[in-house]
Amino acid sequence: MVFAGDVLLASGLIVLAFKLLILERDMLATLDRSASERLALARNSRTSLGSATARDPLPRHDEPSQRRSLPGMV
């Protein structure tokens, strides 16, 4: 026999799981939207730089950045 408390507990856990899924979906949608905006901005800046480098006879290469250690204990 199932007790009413068990049913309430199970339904509460199911509701919490659905709320967590909805929250994660919204967070991923926000991340995807911001990543798409940054990608479009990067493409636009490359396009504007591409026309300038087409006239430049020497191709420009990215310089390697110096490595820095992260703060704190590892």
PDB file of N, CA and C in Angstrom:
ATOM      1  N   MET A   1       0.848  -1.168   0.000  1.00  0.00           N
ATOM      2  CA  MET A   1       0.000   0.000   0.000  1.00  0.00           C
ATOM      3  C   MET A   1       0.903   1.242   0.000  1.00  0.00           C
ATOM      4  N   VAL A   2       0.551   2.198  -0.826  1.00  0.00           N
ATOM      5  CA  VAL A   2       1.333   3.425  -0.925  1.00  0.00           C
ATOM      6  C   VAL A   2       0.712   4.465  -0.005  1.00  0.00           C
ATOM      7  N   PHE A   3       1.568   5.122   0.756  1.00  0.00           N
ATOM      8  CA  PHE A   3       1.074   6.144   1.676  1.00  0.00           C
ATOM      9  C   PHE A   3       1.008   7.493   0.974  1.00  0.00           C
ATOM     10  N   ALA A   4       0.167   8.356   1.466  1.00  0.00           N
ATOM     11  CA  ALA A   4      -0.013   9.678   0.859  1.00  0.00           C
ATOM     12  C   ALA A   4       1.275  10.488   0.933  1.00  0.00           C
ATOM     13  N   GLY A   5       2.047  10.331   1.980  1.00  0.00           N
ATOM     14  CA  GLY A   5       3.310  11.054   2.121  1.00  0.00           C
ATOM     15  C   GLY A   5       4.308  10.672   1.040  1.00  0.00           C
ATOM     16  N   ASP A   6       4.328   9.372   0.703  1.00  0.00           N
ATOM     17  CA  ASP A   6       5.231   8.911  -0.360  1.00  0.00           C
ATOM     18  C   ASP A   6       4.836   9.494  -1.709  1.00  0.00           C
ATOM     19  N   VAL A   7       3.542   9.552  -1.961  1.00  0.00           N
ATOM     20  CA  VAL A   7       3.056  10.108  -3.221  1.00  0.00           C
ATOM     21  C   VAL A   7       3.401  11.593  -3.288  1.00  0.00           C
ATOM     22  N   LEU A   8       3.214  12.316  -2.198  1.00  0.00           N
ATOM     23  CA  LEU A   8       3.543  13.742  -2.171  1.00  0.00           C
ATOM     24  C   LEU A   8       5.040  13.966  -2.363  1.00  0.00           C
ATOM     25  N   LEU A   9       5.837  13.126  -1.730  1.00  0.00           N
ATOM     26  CA  LEU A   9       7.285  13.246  -1.874  1.00  0.00           C
ATOM     27  C   LEU A   9       7.710  12.975  -3.316  1.00  0.00           C
ATOM     28  N   ALA A  10       7.192  11.938  -3.914  1.00  0.00           N
ATOM     29  CA  ALA A  10       7.549  11.598  -5.294  1.00  0.00           C
ATOM     30  C   ALA A  10       7.112  12.698  -6.256  1.00  0.00           C
ATOM     31  N   SER A  11       5.912  13.214  -6.078  1.00  0.00           N
ATOM     32  CA  SER A  11       5.443  14.276  -6.976  1.00  0.00           C
ATOM     33  C   SER A  11       6.250  15.553  -6.776  1.00  0.00           C
ATOM     34  N   GLY A  12       6.645  15.846  -5.548  1.00  0.00           N
ATOM     35  CA  GLY A  12       7.486  17.017  -5.293  1.00  0.00           C
ATOM     36  C   GLY A  12       8.849  16.888  -5.951  1.00  0.00           C
ATOM     37  N   LEU A  13       9.431  15.697  -5.890  1.00  0.00           N
ATOM     38  CA  LEU A  13      10.718  15.475  -6.544  1.00  0.00           C
ATOM     39  C   LEU A  13      10.611  15.578  -8.062  1.00  0.00           C
ATOM     40  N   ILE A  14       9.511  15.103  -8.619  1.00  0.00           N
ATOM     41  CA  ILE A  14       9.302  15.219 -10.064  1.00  0.00           C
ATOM     42  C   ILE A  14       9.171  16.679 -10.469  1.00  0.00           C
ATOM     43  N   VAL A  15       8.446  17.459  -9.684  1.00  0.00           N
ATOM     44  CA  VAL A  15       8.290  18.892  -9.978  1.00  0.00           C
ATOM     45  C   VAL A  15       9.648  19.593  -9.898  1.00  0.00           C
ATOM     46  N   LEU A  16      10.446  19.287  -8.896  1.00  0.00           N
ATOM     47  CA  LEU A  16      11.769  19.889  -8.780  1.00  0.00           C
ATOM     48  C   LEU A  16      12.673  19.510  -9.961  1.00  0.00           C
ATOM     49  N   ALA A  17      12.576  18.270 -10.398  1.00  0.00           N
ATOM     50  CA  ALA A  17      13.380  17.840 -11.546  1.00  0.00           C
ATOM     51  C   ALA A  17      12.972  18.607 -12.796  1.00  0.00           C
ATOM     52  N   PHE A  18      11.677  18.802 -13.018  1.00  0.00           N
ATOM     53  CA  PHE A  18      11.229  19.564 -14.181  1.00  0.00           C
ATOM     54  C   PHE A  18      11.664  21.019 -14.102  1.00  0.00           C
ATOM     55  N   LYS A  19      11.613  21.600 -12.906  1.00  0.00           N
ATOM     56  CA  LYS A  19      12.073  22.982 -12.757  1.00  0.00           C
ATOM     57  C   LYS A  19      13.556  23.103 -13.072  1.00  0.00           C
ATOM     58  N   LEU A  20      14.344  22.116 -12.643  1.00  0.00           N
ATOM     59  CA  LEU A  20      15.776  22.122 -12.944  1.00  0.00           C
ATOM     60  C   LEU A  20      16.018  22.001 -14.445  1.00  0.00           C
ATOM     61  N   LEU A  21      15.265  21.135 -15.116  1.00  0.00           N
ATOM     62  CA  LEU A  21      15.398  20.996 -16.561  1.00  0.00           C
ATOM     63  C   LEU A  21      15.051  22.286 -17.289  1.00  0.00           C
ATOM     64  N   ILE A  22      14.011  22.967 -16.848  1.00  0.00           N
ATOM     65  CA  ILE A  22      13.610  24.223 -17.472  1.00  0.00           C
ATOM     66  C   ILE A  22      14.678  25.284 -17.246  1.00  0.00           C
ATOM     67  N   LEU A  23      15.237  25.337 -16.051  1.00  0.00           N
ATOM     68  CA  LEU A  23      16.289  26.303 -15.750  1.00  0.00           C
ATOM     69  C   LEU A  23      17.521  26.046 -16.615  1.00  0.00           C
ATOM     70  N   GLU A  24      17.928  24.789 -16.739  1.00  0.00           N
ATOM     71  CA  GLU A  24      19.086  24.462 -17.573  1.00  0.00           C
ATOM     72  C   GLU A  24      18.826  24.790 -19.038  1.00  0.00           C
ATOM     73  N   ARG A  25      17.622  24.534 -19.515  1.00  0.00           N
ATOM     74  CA  ARG A  25      17.277  24.853 -20.905  1.00  0.00           C
ATOM     75  C   ARG A  25      17.386  26.353 -21.150  1.00  0.00           C
ATOM     76  N   ASP A  26      16.884  27.156 -20.220  1.00  0.00           N
ATOM     77  CA  ASP A  26      16.953  28.612 -20.368  1.00  0.00           C
ATOM     78  C   ASP A  26      18.393  29.109 -20.327  1.00  0.00           C
ATOM     79  N   MET A  27      19.207  28.522 -19.447  1.00  0.00           N
ATOM     80  CA  MET A  27      20.613  28.926 -19.369  1.00  0.00           C
ATOM     81  C   MET A  27      21.346  28.589 -20.662  1.00  0.00           C
ATOM     82  N   LEU A  28      21.102  27.395 -21.208  1.00  0.00           N
ATOM     83  CA  LEU A  28      21.752  27.003 -22.457  1.00  0.00           C
ATOM     84  C   LEU A  28      21.282  27.866 -23.621  1.00  0.00           C
ATOM     85  N   ALA A  29      20.015  28.246 -23.628  1.00  0.00           N
ATOM     86  CA  ALA A  29      19.513  29.121 -24.687  1.00  0.00           C
ATOM     87  C   ALA A  29      20.180  30.487 -24.611  1.00  0.00           C
ATOM     88  N   THR A  30      20.394  30.997 -23.397  1.00  0.00           N
ATOM     89  CA  THR A  30      21.065  32.287 -23.223  1.00  0.00           C
ATOM     90  C   THR A  30      22.512  32.204 -23.688  1.00  0.00           C
ATOM     91  N   LEU A  31      23.196  31.122 -23.317  1.00  0.00           N
ATOM     92  CA  LEU A  31      24.583  30.939 -23.759  1.00  0.00           C
ATOM     93  C   LEU A  31      24.671  30.818 -25.277  1.00  0.00           C
ATOM     94  N   ASP A  32      23.741  30.087 -25.867  1.00  0.00           N
ATOM     95  CA  ASP A  32      23.742  29.914 -27.314  1.00  0.00           C
ATOM     96  C   ASP A  32      23.483  31.240 -28.022  1.00  0.00           C
ATOM     97  N   ARG A  33      22.573  32.033 -27.494  1.00  0.00           N
ATOM     98  CA  ARG A  33      22.259  33.332 -28.094  1.00  0.00           C
ATOM     99  C   ARG A  33      23.460  34.268 -28.018  1.00  0.00           C
ATOM    100  N   SER A  34      24.131  34.310 -26.873  1.00  0.00           N
ATOM    101  CA  SER A  34      25.289  35.199 -26.741  1.00  0.00           C
ATOM    102  C   SER A  34      26.457  34.712 -27.591  1.00  0.00           C
ATOM    103  N   ALA A  35      26.620  33.387 -27.716  1.00  0.00           N
ATOM    104  CA  ALA A  35      27.684  32.856 -28.562  1.00  0.00           C
ATOM    105  C   ALA A  35      27.415  33.185 -30.029  1.00  0.00           C
ATOM    106  N   SER A  36      26.165  33.117 -30.436  1.00  0.00           N
ATOM    107  CA  SER A  36      25.817  33.461 -31.820  1.00  0.00           C
ATOM    108  C   SER A  36      26.079  34.931 -32.100  1.00  0.00           C
ATOM    109  N   GLU A  37      25.768  35.778 -31.128  1.00  0.00           N
ATOM    110  CA  GLU A  37      26.016  37.216 -31.309  1.00  0.00           C
ATOM    111  C   GLU A  37      27.514  37.497 -31.421  1.00  0.00           C
ATOM    112  N   ARG A  38      28.318  36.843 -30.577  1.00  0.00           N
ATOM    113  CA  ARG A  38      29.774  37.040 -30.642  1.00  0.00           C
ATOM    114  C   ARG A  38      30.348  36.509 -31.947  1.00  0.00           C
ATOM    115  N   LEU A  39      29.816  35.395 -32.431  1.00  0.00           N
ATOM    116  CA  LEU A  39      30.279  34.831 -33.698  1.00  0.00           C
ATOM    117  C   LEU A  39      29.963  35.775 -34.852  1.00  0.00           C
ATOM    118  N   ALA A  40      28.777  36.346 -34.849  1.00  0.00           N
ATOM    119  CA  ALA A  40      28.410  37.298 -35.898  1.00  0.00           C
ATOM    120  C   ALA A  40      29.298  38.538 -35.832  1.00  0.00           C
ATOM    121  N   LEU A  41      29.587  39.011 -34.630  1.00  0.00           N
ATOM    122  CA  LEU A  41      30.461  40.171 -34.478  1.00  0.00           C
ATOM    123  C   LEU A  41      31.869  39.858 -34.968  1.00  0.00           C
ATOM    124  N   ALA A  42      32.366  38.659 -34.650  1.00  0.00           N
ATOM    125  CA  ALA A  42      33.706  38.269 -35.102  1.00  0.00           C
ATOM    126  C   ALA A  42      33.750  38.146 -36.620  1.00  0.00           C
ATOM    127  N   ARG A  43      32.705  37.614 -37.213  1.00  0.00           N
ATOM    128  CA  ARG A  43      32.654  37.503 -38.676  1.00  0.00           C
ATOM    129  C   ARG A  43      32.648  38.869 -39.328  1.00  0.00           C
ATOM    130  N   ASN A  44      31.876  39.791 -38.736  1.00  0.00           N
ATOM    131  CA  ASN A  44      31.836  41.147 -39.294  1.00  0.00           C
ATOM    132  C   ASN A  44      33.193  41.828 -39.198  1.00  0.00           C
ATOM    133  N   SER A  45      33.877  41.646 -38.070  1.00  0.00           N
ATOM    134  CA  SER A  45      35.189  42.279 -37.918  1.00  0.00           C
ATOM    135  C   SER A  45      36.212  41.633 -38.847  1.00  0.00           C
ATOM    136  N   ARG A  46      36.110  40.304 -39.064  1.00  0.00           N
ATOM    137  CA  ARG A  46      37.020  39.640 -40.013  1.00  0.00           C
ATOM    138  C   ARG A  46      36.766  40.106 -41.428  1.00  0.00           C
ATOM    139  N   THR A  47      35.499  40.328 -41.745  1.00  0.00           N
ATOM    140  CA  THR A  47      35.165  40.797 -43.085  1.00  0.00           C
ATOM    141  C   THR A  47      35.746  42.179 -43.324  1.00  0.00           C
ATOM    142  N   SER A  48      35.635  43.049 -42.330  1.00  0.00           N
ATOM    143  CA  SER A  48      36.185  44.395 -42.489  1.00  0.00           C
ATOM    144  C   SER A  48      37.715  44.360 -42.514  1.00  0.00           C
ATOM    145  N   LEU A  49      38.322  43.452 -41.751  1.00  0.00           N
ATOM    146  CA  LEU A  49      39.780  43.303 -41.794  1.00  0.00           C
ATOM    147  C   LEU A  49      40.228  42.592 -43.063  1.00  0.00           C
ATOM    148  N   GLY A  50      39.383  41.711 -43.577  1.00  0.00           N
ATOM    149  CA  GLY A  50      39.723  40.964 -44.780  1.00  0.00           C
ATOM    150  C   GLY A  50      39.918  41.869 -45.979  1.00  0.00           C
ATOM    151  N   SER A  51      39.107  42.908 -46.084  1.00  0.00           N
ATOM    152  CA  SER A  51      39.276  43.827 -47.208  1.00  0.00           C
ATOM    153  C   SER A  51      40.562  44.631 -47.054  1.00  0.00           C
ATOM    154  N   ALA A  52      40.964  44.911 -45.816  1.00  0.00           N
ATOM    155  CA  ALA A  52      42.207  45.651 -45.588  1.00  0.00           C
ATOM    156  C   ALA A  52      43.421  44.752 -45.828  1.00  0.00           C
ATOM    157  N   THR A  53      43.333  43.474 -45.459  1.00  0.00           N
ATOM    158  CA  THR A  53      44.475  42.577 -45.658  1.00  0.00           C
ATOM    159  C   THR A  53      44.590  42.119 -47.103  1.00  0.00           C
ATOM    160  N   ALA A  54      43.518  42.237 -47.868  1.00  0.00           N
ATOM    161  CA  ALA A  54      43.609  41.866 -49.280  1.00  0.00           C
ATOM    162  C   ALA A  54      44.565  42.803 -50.003  1.00  0.00           C
ATOM    163  N   ARG A  55      44.665  44.030 -49.548  1.00  0.00           N
ATOM    164  CA  ARG A  55      45.587  44.993 -50.149  1.00  0.00           C
ATOM    165  C   ARG A  55      46.987  44.886 -49.557  1.00  0.00           C
ATOM    166  N   ASP A  56      47.114  44.238 -48.387  1.00  0.00           N
ATOM    167  CA  ASP A  56      48.403  44.112 -47.711  1.00  0.00           C
ATOM    168  C   ASP A  56      49.180  42.937 -48.324  1.00  0.00           C
ATOM    169  N   PRO A  57      50.384  43.152 -48.840  1.00  0.00           N
ATOM    170  CA  PRO A  57      51.114  42.059 -49.475  1.00  0.00           C
ATOM    171  C   PRO A  57      51.635  41.023 -48.478  1.00  0.00           C
ATOM    172  N   LEU A  58      51.873  41.400 -47.219  1.00  0.00           N
ATOM    173  CA  LEU A  58      52.386  40.467 -46.217  1.00  0.00           C
ATOM    174  C   LEU A  58      51.243  39.998 -45.324  1.00  0.00           C
ATOM    175  N   PRO A  59      51.030  38.694 -45.226  1.00  0.00           N
ATOM    176  CA  PRO A  59      49.961  38.218 -44.348  1.00  0.00           C
ATOM    177  C   PRO A  59      50.349  38.416 -42.880  1.00  0.00           C
ATOM    178  N   ARG A  60      49.373  38.695 -42.090  1.00  0.00           N
ATOM    179  CA  ARG A  60      49.605  38.899 -40.653  1.00  0.00           C
ATOM    180  C   ARG A  60      49.265  37.620 -39.909  1.00  0.00           C
ATOM    181  N   HIS A  61      50.147  37.245 -39.009  1.00  0.00           N
ATOM    182  CA  HIS A  61      49.924  36.051 -38.202  1.00  0.00           C
ATOM    183  C   HIS A  61      49.746  36.475 -36.756  1.00  0.00           C
ATOM    184  N   ASP A  62      48.962  35.695 -36.044  1.00  0.00           N
ATOM    185  CA  ASP A  62      48.768  35.975 -34.618  1.00  0.00           C
ATOM    186  C   ASP A  62      50.058  35.686 -33.875  1.00  0.00           C
ATOM    187  N   GLU A  63      50.385  36.562 -32.974  1.00  0.00           N
ATOM    188  CA  GLU A  63      51.564  36.367 -32.133  1.00  0.00           C
ATOM    189  C   GLU A  63      51.181  35.466 -30.968  1.00  0.00           C
ATOM    190  N   PRO A  64      52.038  34.517 -30.592  1.00  0.00           N
ATOM    191  CA  PRO A  64      51.702  33.676 -29.439  1.00  0.00           C
ATOM    192  C   PRO A  64      51.728  34.509 -28.162  1.00  0.00           C
ATOM    193  N   SER A  65      50.750  34.290 -27.314  1.00  0.00           N
ATOM    194  CA  SER A  65      50.691  35.049 -26.068  1.00  0.00           C
ATOM    195  C   SER A  65      51.530  34.352 -25.003  1.00  0.00           C
ATOM    196  N   GLN A  66      52.016  35.146 -24.078  1.00  0.00           N
ATOM    197  CA  GLN A  66      52.828  34.607 -22.998  1.00  0.00           C
ATOM    198  C   GLN A  66      51.924  33.892 -22.013  1.00  0.00           C
ATOM    199  N   ARG A  67      52.359  32.724 -21.526  1.00  0.00           N
ATOM    200  CA  ARG A  67      51.554  31.968 -20.576  1.00  0.00           C
ATOM    201  C   ARG A  67      51.649  32.589 -19.200  1.00  0.00           C
ATOM    202  N   ARG A  68      50.513  32.602 -18.533  1.00  0.00           N
ATOM    203  CA  ARG A  68      50.461  33.114 -17.167  1.00  0.00           C
ATOM    204  C   ARG A  68      49.858  32.063 -16.264  1.00  0.00           C
ATOM    205  N   SER A  69      50.367  31.950 -15.072  1.00  0.00           N
ATOM    206  CA  SER A  69      49.817  30.975 -14.137  1.00  0.00           C
ATOM    207  C   SER A  69      48.538  31.541 -13.502  1.00  0.00           C
ATOM    208  N   LEU A  70      47.645  30.656 -13.163  1.00  0.00           N
ATOM    209  CA  LEU A  70      46.401  31.065 -12.531  1.00  0.00           C
ATOM    210  C   LEU A  70      46.657  31.317 -11.037  1.00  0.00           C
ATOM    211  N   PRO A  71      45.926  32.254 -10.465  1.00  0.00           N
ATOM    212  CA  PRO A  71      46.116  32.522  -9.031  1.00  0.00           C
ATOM    213  C   PRO A  71      45.548  31.379  -8.187  1.00  0.00           C
ATOM    214  N   GLY A  72      46.119  31.182  -7.054  1.00  0.00           N
ATOM    215  CA  GLY A  72      45.607  30.192  -6.107  1.00  0.00           C
ATOM    216  C   GLY A  72      46.344  28.864  -6.185  1.00  0.00           C
ATOM    217  N   MET A  73      45.934  27.966  -5.308  1.00  0.00           N
ATOM    218  CA  MET A  73      46.537  26.634  -5.216  1.00  0.00           C
ATOM    219  C   MET A  73      45.940  25.734  -6.289  1.00  0.00           C
ATOM    220  N   VAL A  74      46.754  24.785  -6.742  1.00  0.00           N
ATOM    221  CA  VAL A  74      46.281  23.807  -7.722  1.00  0.00           C
ATOM    222  C   VAL A  74      46.150  22.470  -7.059  1.00  0.00           C
TER     223      VAL A  74
END
